[in-house]
Amino acid sequence: MPTNMKRMFRGLLILFAAVAAACAPRERTLVVLSTNDMHAKIQNFPRLAAAVEACRDTAQLVVLVDAGDRWTGNAYVDMAPTPGMPMIALMNRLGFDVATLGNHEFDHGQAFLGRMIDSMDFEVVCANVVSDTCTFPQLPPYMVLDEDGIRIGFVGVVTNYEGPGHPAGNASSFAGLEFPDPQAMAMKYAAELRPEVDVLVLVSHMGDDRDEELLGKETQFDLVIGGHTHEQINKRVNGTLLTQTGKNLQNVGVTVVRLRGKKVESVDYRLVPLADYAPDASYQAEVDRYYAEPELNKPVGAFSETIDKWGLANWMAGSVADETDADVGFYHIGGVRLDSIPAGGVSTAKVYDLEPFGTEIALMRMTPADMRRMIVSKYNDTENRKEAHRIDLISTTPYVIVTDAEDNALDVRFPKLREGKTYEVAVSDYVYKNYKDLNYTDGKFTGITVAGVLLEELHDDSPLAPDNRPRQEVRRK
């Protein structure tokens, strides 16, 4: 071939390569920032704001997502003139894009939640809540965001396992609502959305065990942003990334989705501690205004030394029994919302952080056989699995749960109770209303709030000396 022909041929090859490169699908990166189970911890929000803004400064496509339980856990939010509103105002300001419901969204009732949703500038999606009431509008099951031509679908689901048939909480909060199986509804809308979107995300408040169970089936999601179980999760199940950030706004989840054209090439996740960020000054000023509440800041009493989770549960079980002159007090560990309180002064706000639900004391008469039935049923619970196979009911009376090799409860031994005798038992209204297999006589509500009793005891008897020793244990037979 003549030299000039070779040069022309090489030139054409270079030209064709340049054209092919120009026409190839370009690579793009989508960053999904996620939170879950913030539980009104607005004291950490200024650090979240700093982290989000830093990401927006460096990445072109950023979406901000929350997987539920935005309030209940901070008196400055939960006892605001409109409970929960400080958290929603901060989320609106930061520009959250989408969220789903958690069980604690219903703590103030569905009518209140319906009004609060109207205050949220972000979309709230939930595929497994069905409403025919005027107090709670029907939510969309999903939404689709278009970010620079990339279509991202978000399907939301909430647990219905603890009710059973509805999220954890008092049944009155869910009257008129139905909660179909969240896994079935997730799969239904995944099939509907998959042909319409480039990236498909499940925003789930089922818990990581239920998320993993779902992904063990054939699903079409690229990513699951989870919540409810307060775990730190970063794993792949059947090729789908499953994530969760823990609780209390200690971390933010960062998921990087790389696409070539509109095809997902990779999905990677990392958990970023918010302690690594200096608080954003303007958000800090807003939080400080919420915290400037004299009544909540008022010191009530003190502990002589640090009280841990066991000690707090012992204190609460003892207080409900003492206040009502009951023989035995029980308190469920899920109602103890702090892990510890340090030695020294205790504010009103701290007590309401410990007990944020307005819980009332209930009384009933039970024999040891009745108590045994209650404890065994809870330990072996197959529906609310995150509360099963653990000591859930802390009591003023010692007891031992006897289990088999598979960790199923077989018996409960009460060394200080007499079989056949009937005892006056004090419990929280949550146990009284929601626990299965309760057998008792003369059950009633007292009208006495747990928080009120704790505040009174701190005021009258400080400094309190904590009892951090466990009175309950599990032994294999």
Protein backbone atom coordinates (compact mmCIF):
# COMPACT_ATOMS: atom_id res chain seq x y z
CA MET A 1 0.00 0.00 0.00
CA PRO A 2 1.43 3.45 -0.95
CA THR A 3 2.62 5.61 1.91
CA ASN A 4 -0.01 8.29 1.31
CA MET A 5 -2.76 5.63 1.39
CA LYS A 6 -1.43 4.31 4.72
CA ARG A 7 -1.44 7.80 6.19
CA MET A 8 -5.01 8.34 5.03
CA PHE A 9 -6.06 4.98 6.51
CA ARG A 10 -4.43 5.78 9.86
CA GLY A 11 -6.14 9.15 9.85
CA LEU A 12 -9.52 7.51 9.27
CA LEU A 13 -8.90 5.08 12.15
CA ILE A 14 -8.07 7.95 14.48
CA LEU A 15 -11.18 9.81 13.33
CA PHE A 16 -13.41 6.76 13.82
CA ALA A 17 -11.93 6.19 17.31
CA ALA A 18 -12.59 9.81 18.26
CA VAL A 19 -16.18 9.61 17.00
CA ALA A 20 -16.74 6.31 18.87
CA ALA A 21 -15.35 7.79 22.08
CA ALA A 22 -17.57 10.85 21.72
CA CYS A 23 -20.65 8.68 21.16
CA ALA A 24 -19.92 6.20 24.01
CA PRO A 25 -22.16 6.49 27.07
CA ARG A 26 -20.57 8.85 29.56
CA GLU A 27 -19.87 7.85 33.14
CA ARG A 28 -21.79 9.59 35.89
CA THR A 29 -21.87 9.27 39.66
CA LEU A 30 -24.91 9.55 41.91
CA VAL A 31 -24.42 9.95 45.67
CA VAL A 32 -27.26 8.88 47.96
CA LEU A 33 -26.87 10.27 51.48
CA SER A 34 -29.02 8.47 54.05
CA THR A 35 -30.19 8.72 57.64
CA ASN A 36 -32.43 6.51 59.75
CA ASP A 37 -33.73 6.44 63.32
CA MET A 38 -32.63 10.00 64.06
CA HIS A 39 -35.02 10.02 67.03
CA ALA A 40 -35.07 13.80 67.29
CA LYS A 41 -31.36 14.12 68.07
CA ILE A 42 -31.19 17.63 66.67
CA GLN A 43 -28.05 18.29 68.71
CA ASN A 44 -26.22 16.30 65.99
CA PHE A 45 -27.97 18.00 63.07
CA PRO A 46 -25.39 20.81 62.59
CA ARG A 47 -22.75 18.16 61.88
CA LEU A 48 -25.09 16.42 59.43
CA ALA A 49 -25.64 19.75 57.67
CA ALA A 50 -21.88 20.27 57.37
CA ALA A 51 -21.40 16.77 55.92
CA VAL A 52 -24.24 17.16 53.42
CA GLU A 53 -23.09 20.56 52.21
CA ALA A 54 -19.51 19.28 51.83
CA CYS A 55 -20.81 16.45 49.63
CA ARG A 56 -22.93 18.82 47.55
CA ASP A 57 -19.87 20.99 46.99
CA THR A 58 -17.91 18.09 45.49
CA ALA A 59 -20.50 15.84 43.79
CA GLN A 60 -22.89 16.83 41.01
CA LEU A 61 -25.77 14.45 41.74
CA VAL A 62 -26.69 14.17 45.45
CA VAL A 63 -29.94 12.84 46.92
CA LEU A 64 -30.80 12.96 50.66
CA VAL A 65 -33.02 10.18 52.04
CA ASP A 66 -34.42 9.23 55.48
CA ALA A 67 -35.69 5.78 56.50
CA GLY A 68 -38.00 6.74 59.36
CA ASP A 69 -38.30 7.45 63.11
CA ARG A 70 -37.61 11.16 62.90
CA TRP A 71 -38.93 12.02 66.36
CA THR A 72 -39.35 10.56 69.87
CA GLY A 73 -36.14 10.70 71.85
CA ASN A 74 -35.37 14.35 72.65
CA ALA A 75 -37.54 16.43 74.95
CA TYR A 76 -36.67 19.66 73.13
CA VAL A 77 -38.32 18.21 70.01
CA ASP A 78 -40.98 15.96 71.52
CA MET A 79 -42.29 18.65 73.89
CA ALA A 80 -42.06 21.57 71.50
CA PRO A 81 -45.28 23.59 70.96
CA THR A 82 -45.79 21.38 67.89
CA PRO A 83 -44.10 18.09 68.79
CA GLY A 84 -41.57 17.01 66.19
CA MET A 85 -41.56 20.30 64.34
CA PRO A 86 -37.95 21.31 65.18
CA MET A 87 -36.73 18.18 63.41
CA ILE A 88 -38.97 18.74 60.39
CA ALA A 89 -37.91 22.39 60.12
CA LEU A 90 -34.26 21.37 60.07
CA MET A 91 -34.88 18.62 57.50
CA ASN A 92 -36.80 21.02 55.27
CA ARG A 93 -34.00 23.56 55.48
CA LEU A 94 -31.34 20.98 54.59
CA GLY A 95 -33.35 19.84 51.60
CA PHE A 96 -34.22 16.19 52.19
CA ASP A 97 -35.66 14.66 49.03
CA VAL A 98 -37.62 11.63 50.19
CA ALA A 99 -38.45 9.65 53.33
CA THR A 100 -40.60 6.78 54.50
CA LEU A 101 -42.53 6.24 57.72
CA GLY A 102 -41.13 4.66 60.87
CA ASN A 103 -43.25 3.25 63.68
CA HIS A 104 -42.51 6.28 65.88
CA GLU A 105 -44.03 8.63 63.33
CA PHE A 106 -47.36 7.40 64.74
CA ASP A 107 -46.55 8.10 68.42
CA HIS A 108 -48.83 11.16 68.55
CA GLY A 109 -51.59 9.49 66.53
CA GLN A 110 -52.37 9.37 62.84
CA ALA A 111 -54.29 12.66 62.74
CA PHE A 112 -51.24 14.48 64.08
CA LEU A 113 -49.02 12.66 61.59
CA GLY A 114 -51.32 13.62 58.75
CA ARG A 115 -50.94 17.29 59.69
CA MET A 116 -47.17 16.95 60.06
CA ILE A 117 -46.79 15.43 56.60
CA ASP A 118 -48.31 18.63 55.22
CA SER A 119 -45.37 20.48 56.83
CA MET A 120 -42.73 18.32 55.16
CA ASP A 121 -41.16 19.77 52.03
CA PHE A 122 -39.86 16.33 51.08
CA GLU A 123 -41.96 13.48 49.70
CA VAL A 124 -43.08 10.78 52.15
CA VAL A 125 -43.64 7.43 50.46
CA CYS A 126 -44.99 4.21 51.95
CA ALA A 127 -46.28 1.32 49.85
CA ASN A 128 -47.86 -0.65 52.68
CA VAL A 129 -50.12 1.79 54.48
CA VAL A 130 -53.70 2.00 53.27
CA SER A 131 -55.94 4.78 54.58
CA ASP A 132 -59.63 5.41 54.17
CA THR A 133 -59.75 8.08 56.88
CA CYS A 134 -59.90 11.81 56.35
CA THR A 135 -57.43 12.39 59.20
CA PHE A 136 -54.56 10.64 57.44
CA PRO A 137 -54.16 11.13 53.67
CA GLN A 138 -53.23 8.18 51.50
CA LEU A 139 -49.51 8.31 50.84
CA PRO A 140 -47.93 7.50 47.47
CA PRO A 141 -46.16 4.13 47.42
CA TYR A 142 -43.18 5.52 45.56
CA MET A 143 -41.70 8.55 43.86
CA VAL A 144 -39.35 9.06 40.91
CA LEU A 145 -36.64 11.74 40.91
CA ASP A 146 -35.05 12.89 37.66
CA GLU A 147 -31.48 14.02 38.35
CA ASP A 148 -29.70 15.22 35.20
CA GLY A 149 -31.58 12.66 33.12
CA ILE A 150 -31.08 9.80 35.58
CA ARG A 151 -34.42 8.48 36.83
CA ILE A 152 -34.26 7.24 40.43
CA GLY A 153 -37.21 5.35 41.91
CA PHE A 154 -37.82 5.22 45.67
CA VAL A 155 -40.26 2.69 47.16
CA GLY A 156 -41.04 3.06 50.89
CA VAL A 157 -42.21 0.41 53.39
CA VAL A 158 -42.74 0.28 57.15
CA THR A 159 -42.79 -2.67 59.53
CA ASN A 160 -46.11 -4.35 60.34
CA TYR A 161 -44.64 -7.21 62.36
CA GLU A 162 -44.85 -5.97 65.93
CA GLY A 163 -48.56 -5.10 66.10
CA PRO A 164 -49.09 -7.66 64.76
CA GLY A 165 -50.56 -6.26 61.58
CA HIS A 166 -49.33 -2.73 62.24
CA PRO A 167 -46.12 -1.00 63.41
CA ALA A 168 -45.08 -1.10 67.04
CA GLY A 169 -47.25 1.25 69.09
CA ASN A 170 -50.66 1.52 70.66
CA ALA A 171 -53.42 0.05 68.49
CA SER A 172 -55.52 3.23 68.80
CA SER A 173 -52.90 5.11 66.75
CA PHE A 174 -53.61 2.86 63.75
CA ALA A 175 -57.42 2.67 63.77
CA GLY A 176 -58.78 2.88 60.23
CA LEU A 177 -55.41 2.10 58.65
CA GLU A 178 -54.25 -1.16 57.10
CA PHE A 179 -50.64 -2.28 56.76
CA PRO A 180 -50.30 -4.98 54.09
CA ASP A 181 -47.22 -7.18 54.07
CA PRO A 182 -44.27 -4.81 53.46
CA GLN A 183 -42.19 -7.38 51.60
CA ALA A 184 -44.99 -8.23 49.17
CA MET A 185 -45.71 -4.55 48.53
CA ALA A 186 -42.01 -3.78 48.01
CA MET A 187 -41.78 -6.51 45.39
CA LYS A 188 -45.01 -5.41 43.72
CA TYR A 189 -43.86 -1.84 43.18
CA ALA A 190 -40.32 -2.90 42.30
CA ALA A 191 -41.75 -4.87 39.37
CA GLU A 192 -43.88 -1.88 38.37
CA LEU A 193 -41.08 0.68 38.59
CA ARG A 194 -38.09 -1.26 37.29
CA PRO A 195 -38.81 -0.67 33.58
CA GLU A 196 -39.35 3.04 34.24
CA VAL A 197 -36.21 3.95 36.21
CA ASP A 198 -32.43 3.67 35.97
CA VAL A 199 -31.79 3.26 39.71
CA LEU A 200 -34.27 1.57 42.06
CA VAL A 201 -34.03 2.14 45.84
CA LEU A 202 -36.03 0.58 48.67
CA VAL A 203 -36.37 2.90 51.68
CA SER A 204 -37.29 0.44 54.40
CA HIS A 205 -38.26 0.66 58.04
CA MET A 206 -38.67 -3.11 58.41
CA GLY A 207 -35.36 -3.87 60.15
CA ASP A 208 -32.24 -5.45 58.70
CA ASP A 209 -33.44 -9.01 59.40
CA ARG A 210 -36.60 -8.46 57.36
CA ASP A 211 -34.68 -6.57 54.66
CA GLU A 212 -32.30 -9.50 54.34
CA GLU A 213 -35.23 -11.89 54.22
CA LEU A 214 -36.73 -9.86 51.36
CA LEU A 215 -33.46 -9.76 49.43
CA GLY A 216 -33.16 -13.52 49.83
CA LYS A 217 -36.06 -13.66 47.40
CA GLU A 218 -35.76 -12.41 43.83
CA THR A 219 -35.89 -8.62 43.91
CA GLN A 220 -35.04 -5.87 41.48
CA PHE A 221 -33.66 -3.20 43.80
CA ASP A 222 -30.19 -1.74 43.34
CA LEU A 223 -30.01 -0.53 46.94
CA VAL A 224 -31.84 -0.85 50.27
CA ILE A 225 -31.66 2.06 52.71
CA GLY A 226 -32.83 0.49 55.96
CA GLY A 227 -33.81 1.41 59.49
CA HIS A 228 -35.71 0.29 62.60
CA THR A 229 -33.20 -2.08 64.19
CA HIS A 230 -30.54 0.57 64.97
CA GLU A 231 -27.77 -1.50 63.42
CA GLN A 232 -24.79 -0.47 61.30
CA ILE A 233 -25.22 -2.53 58.13
CA ASN A 234 -23.12 -2.74 54.97
CA LYS A 235 -23.61 -6.06 53.18
CA ARG A 236 -24.71 -7.54 49.90
CA VAL A 237 -27.55 -10.02 49.70
CA ASN A 238 -28.15 -11.65 46.32
CA GLY A 239 -26.08 -8.87 44.78
CA THR A 240 -28.12 -6.02 46.31
CA LEU A 241 -26.49 -3.61 48.75
CA LEU A 242 -28.20 -3.47 52.16
CA THR A 243 -27.36 -0.49 54.41
CA GLN A 244 -28.28 1.06 57.75
CA THR A 245 -26.54 3.83 59.70
CA GLY A 246 -27.25 2.89 63.34
CA LYS A 247 -29.25 5.40 65.37
CA ASN A 248 -29.43 8.89 66.87
CA LEU A 249 -27.80 10.71 63.96
CA GLN A 250 -24.32 9.53 64.87
CA ASN A 251 -23.50 8.66 61.24
CA VAL A 252 -24.56 9.42 57.69
CA GLY A 253 -24.67 6.75 55.02
CA VAL A 254 -22.89 7.51 51.76
CA THR A 255 -23.82 5.30 48.79
CA VAL A 256 -22.01 5.93 45.52
CA VAL A 257 -23.83 4.68 42.41
CA ARG A 258 -21.70 4.72 39.26
CA LEU A 259 -23.50 4.61 35.94
CA ARG A 260 -22.36 4.31 32.35
CA GLY A 261 -25.07 6.05 30.43
CA LYS A 262 -28.15 4.85 32.29
CA LYS A 263 -26.81 1.46 33.30
CA VAL A 264 -25.68 0.89 36.89
CA GLU A 265 -22.06 -0.24 36.88
CA SER A 266 -21.41 -0.38 40.63
CA VAL A 267 -22.99 0.49 44.00
CA ASP A 268 -20.70 1.06 47.01
CA TYR A 269 -21.38 2.23 50.56
CA ARG A 270 -19.50 3.65 53.49
CA LEU A 271 -20.59 4.83 56.91
CA VAL A 272 -19.31 8.29 57.79
CA PRO A 273 -19.18 9.33 61.49
CA LEU A 274 -20.61 12.81 61.93
CA ALA A 275 -18.19 13.45 64.79
CA ASP A 276 -15.58 14.01 62.06
CA TYR A 277 -17.36 17.23 60.99
CA ALA A 278 -17.40 20.59 62.71
CA PRO A 279 -20.97 21.79 63.25
CA ASP A 280 -22.39 24.21 60.70
CA ALA A 281 -22.66 27.52 62.57
CA SER A 282 -26.04 28.61 61.24
CA TYR A 283 -27.66 25.26 62.01
CA GLN A 284 -26.03 25.27 65.44
CA ALA A 285 -27.60 28.65 66.17
CA GLU A 286 -31.02 27.27 65.25
CA VAL A 287 -30.55 24.22 67.49
CA ASP A 288 -29.38 26.43 70.35
CA ARG A 289 -32.64 28.37 70.10
CA TYR A 290 -34.63 25.16 70.49
CA TYR A 291 -32.54 24.22 73.52
CA ALA A 292 -33.10 27.54 75.28
CA GLU A 293 -36.12 26.21 77.22
CA PRO A 294 -35.93 27.06 80.94
CA GLU A 295 -38.47 24.50 82.15
CA LEU A 296 -36.73 21.63 80.42
CA ASN A 297 -33.27 22.79 81.46
CA LYS A 298 -34.23 23.00 85.12
CA PRO A 299 -32.26 20.51 87.30
CA VAL A 300 -34.52 18.11 89.19
CA GLY A 301 -32.15 15.93 91.17
CA ALA A 302 -29.00 13.86 90.79
CA PHE A 303 -27.45 10.39 90.66
CA SER A 304 -24.56 9.65 92.97
CA GLU A 305 -22.84 7.63 90.21
CA THR A 306 -23.42 6.72 86.57
CA ILE A 307 -26.55 4.67 86.00
CA ASP A 308 -26.39 2.25 83.05
CA LYS A 309 -29.13 0.62 80.94
CA TRP A 310 -29.79 -2.11 83.49
CA GLY A 311 -29.82 0.43 86.28
CA LEU A 312 -32.30 2.63 84.45
CA ALA A 313 -34.59 -0.34 83.79
CA ASN A 314 -34.32 -1.41 87.45
CA TRP A 315 -35.14 2.14 88.54
CA MET A 316 -38.20 2.35 86.29
CA ALA A 317 -39.52 -1.09 87.30
CA GLY A 318 -39.01 -0.22 90.97
CA SER A 319 -40.60 3.20 90.66
CA VAL A 320 -43.83 1.96 89.04
CA ALA A 321 -44.13 -0.70 91.75
CA ASP A 322 -43.38 1.68 94.63
CA GLU A 323 -45.77 4.37 93.40
CA THR A 324 -48.70 1.95 93.20
CA ASP A 325 -47.77 -0.23 96.23
CA ALA A 326 -47.52 -3.23 93.89
CA ASP A 327 -45.77 -6.43 94.92
CA VAL A 328 -43.92 -6.73 91.60
CA GLY A 329 -42.96 -4.21 88.93
CA PHE A 330 -42.11 -4.98 85.30
CA TYR A 331 -40.68 -2.58 82.72
CA HIS A 332 -40.00 -3.45 79.07
CA ILE A 333 -36.47 -2.70 77.95
CA GLY A 334 -37.70 -1.05 74.72
CA GLY A 335 -39.29 1.67 76.84
CA VAL A 336 -35.92 2.59 78.36
CA ARG A 337 -34.76 5.11 75.77
CA LEU A 338 -31.34 6.04 77.16
CA ASP A 339 -28.30 3.80 77.53
CA SER A 340 -27.02 5.63 80.61
CA ILE A 341 -27.14 8.85 82.63
CA PRO A 342 -23.85 10.13 84.10
CA ALA A 343 -23.35 10.92 87.76
CA GLY A 344 -24.44 14.39 88.80
CA GLY A 345 -27.39 16.63 88.11
CA VAL A 346 -30.38 15.46 86.06
CA SER A 347 -32.58 17.91 84.15
CA THR A 348 -36.28 17.62 83.39
CA ALA A 349 -35.37 17.17 79.72
CA LYS A 350 -33.20 14.15 80.56
CA VAL A 351 -36.11 12.39 82.26
CA TYR A 352 -38.33 13.00 79.25
CA ASP A 353 -35.54 11.72 76.99
CA LEU A 354 -35.56 8.54 79.07
CA GLU A 355 -39.37 8.23 78.94
CA PRO A 356 -40.71 10.24 75.97
CA PHE A 357 -44.01 8.43 75.44
CA GLY A 358 -46.23 9.79 78.20
CA THR A 359 -46.44 6.21 79.48
CA GLU A 360 -49.05 5.47 82.14
CA ILE A 361 -48.80 2.82 84.85
CA ALA A 362 -51.23 -0.11 84.67
CA LEU A 363 -52.03 -2.57 87.46
CA MET A 364 -53.16 -6.18 87.32
CA ARG A 365 -53.25 -9.22 89.57
CA MET A 366 -51.13 -12.17 88.42
CA THR A 367 -49.86 -15.49 89.72
CA PRO A 368 -46.31 -16.68 88.97
CA ALA A 369 -47.85 -18.94 86.32
CA ASP A 370 -49.36 -15.84 84.65
CA MET A 371 -46.03 -14.01 84.79
CA ARG A 372 -44.24 -17.09 83.42
CA ARG A 373 -46.65 -17.24 80.48
CA MET A 374 -46.08 -13.55 79.70
CA ILE A 375 -42.27 -13.84 79.82
CA VAL A 376 -42.05 -17.08 77.81
CA SER A 377 -44.38 -15.73 75.11
CA LYS A 378 -42.28 -12.61 74.73
CA TYR A 379 -38.98 -14.48 74.68
CA ASN A 380 -40.26 -16.86 71.97
CA ASP A 381 -42.01 -14.15 69.90
CA THR A 382 -41.85 -15.16 66.22
CA GLU A 383 -43.38 -11.95 64.85
CA ASN A 384 -41.52 -9.19 66.67
CA ARG A 385 -38.19 -10.95 66.31
CA LYS A 386 -35.99 -8.02 67.29
CA GLU A 387 -37.48 -8.19 70.81
CA ALA A 388 -37.31 -11.98 71.05
CA HIS A 389 -34.62 -14.20 72.58
CA ARG A 390 -33.52 -11.53 75.01
CA ILE A 391 -34.52 -10.39 78.48
CA ASP A 392 -37.27 -7.98 77.51
CA LEU A 393 -39.11 -7.56 80.82
CA ILE A 394 -36.99 -6.17 83.64
CA SER A 395 -38.54 -6.86 87.03
CA THR A 396 -38.20 -6.01 90.69
CA THR A 397 -38.35 -9.74 91.43
CA PRO A 398 -35.45 -11.92 90.26
CA TYR A 399 -36.17 -14.62 87.70
CA VAL A 400 -34.33 -17.09 85.45
CA ILE A 401 -35.46 -17.98 81.93
CA VAL A 402 -34.64 -21.62 81.17
CA THR A 403 -34.01 -22.34 77.48
CA ASP A 404 -33.33 -25.34 75.27
CA ALA A 405 -30.39 -25.78 72.89
CA GLU A 406 -32.20 -23.75 70.22
CA ASP A 407 -32.67 -20.84 72.68
CA ASN A 408 -36.40 -21.33 73.07
CA ALA A 409 -37.75 -20.47 76.51
CA LEU A 410 -39.08 -23.54 78.33
CA ASP A 411 -39.66 -22.22 81.83
CA VAL A 412 -39.22 -19.23 84.15
CA ARG A 413 -38.11 -19.71 87.74
CA PHE A 414 -39.02 -17.15 90.41
CA PRO A 415 -36.90 -17.79 93.53
CA LYS A 416 -38.73 -15.18 95.65
CA LEU A 417 -42.35 -15.81 94.60
CA ARG A 418 -44.70 -18.53 95.83
CA GLU A 419 -46.46 -20.60 93.18
CA GLY A 420 -50.23 -20.25 93.28
CA LYS A 421 -50.19 -16.94 95.14
CA THR A 422 -51.71 -13.88 93.47
CA TYR A 423 -49.58 -10.72 93.37
CA GLU A 424 -50.33 -7.10 92.53
CA VAL A 425 -48.24 -6.31 89.44
CA ALA A 426 -47.40 -2.86 87.99
CA VAL A 427 -46.45 -2.52 84.32
CA SER A 428 -46.27 0.15 81.63
CA ASP A 429 -49.42 0.74 79.60
CA TYR A 430 -47.49 -0.46 76.51
CA VAL A 431 -47.08 -3.92 78.04
CA TYR A 432 -50.68 -3.91 79.25
CA LYS A 433 -52.08 -2.96 75.84
CA ASN A 434 -49.78 -4.79 73.46
CA TYR A 435 -48.15 -7.89 74.92
CA LYS A 436 -49.63 -11.22 73.92
CA ASP A 437 -50.64 -14.04 76.25
CA LEU A 438 -51.38 -11.78 79.20
CA ASN A 439 -53.49 -13.57 81.79
CA TYR A 440 -54.57 -11.48 84.77
CA THR A 441 -57.48 -10.26 86.86
CA ASP A 442 -58.54 -6.77 87.95
CA GLY A 443 -56.54 -4.99 85.25
CA LYS A 444 -56.78 -1.20 85.20
CA PHE A 445 -55.01 2.01 84.25
CA THR A 446 -53.97 4.21 87.15
CA GLY A 447 -53.73 7.61 85.42
CA ILE A 448 -50.21 7.96 86.88
CA THR A 449 -47.45 8.76 84.37
CA VAL A 450 -44.07 7.08 84.61
CA ALA A 451 -42.17 10.31 83.85
CA GLY A 452 -44.05 12.08 86.63
CA VAL A 453 -43.08 9.38 89.13
CA LEU A 454 -39.41 9.52 88.09
CA LEU A 455 -39.32 13.31 88.38
CA GLU A 456 -40.92 13.18 91.81
CA GLU A 457 -38.45 10.57 93.03
CA LEU A 458 -35.48 12.57 91.78
CA HIS A 459 -36.84 15.71 93.44
CA ASP A 460 -37.57 14.06 96.79
CA ASP A 461 -34.79 11.53 97.23
CA SER A 462 -31.67 12.84 95.46
CA PRO A 463 -28.95 11.93 95.16
CA LEU A 464 -30.19 8.52 94.03
CA ALA A 465 -27.77 5.59 94.23
CA PRO A 466 -28.17 3.44 91.09
CA ASP A 467 -28.58 -0.32 91.22
CA ASN A 468 -26.90 -1.49 88.03
CA ARG A 469 -27.01 -5.21 88.87
CA PRO A 470 -29.11 -7.44 86.59
CA ARG A 471 -31.84 -9.34 88.45
CA GLN A 472 -32.79 -11.46 85.44
CA GLU A 473 -30.77 -14.07 83.56
CA VAL A 474 -31.03 -16.77 80.89
CA ARG A 475 -29.76 -20.32 81.47
CA ARG A 476 -29.67 -23.22 79.09
CA LYS A 477 -31.31 -26.34 80.48
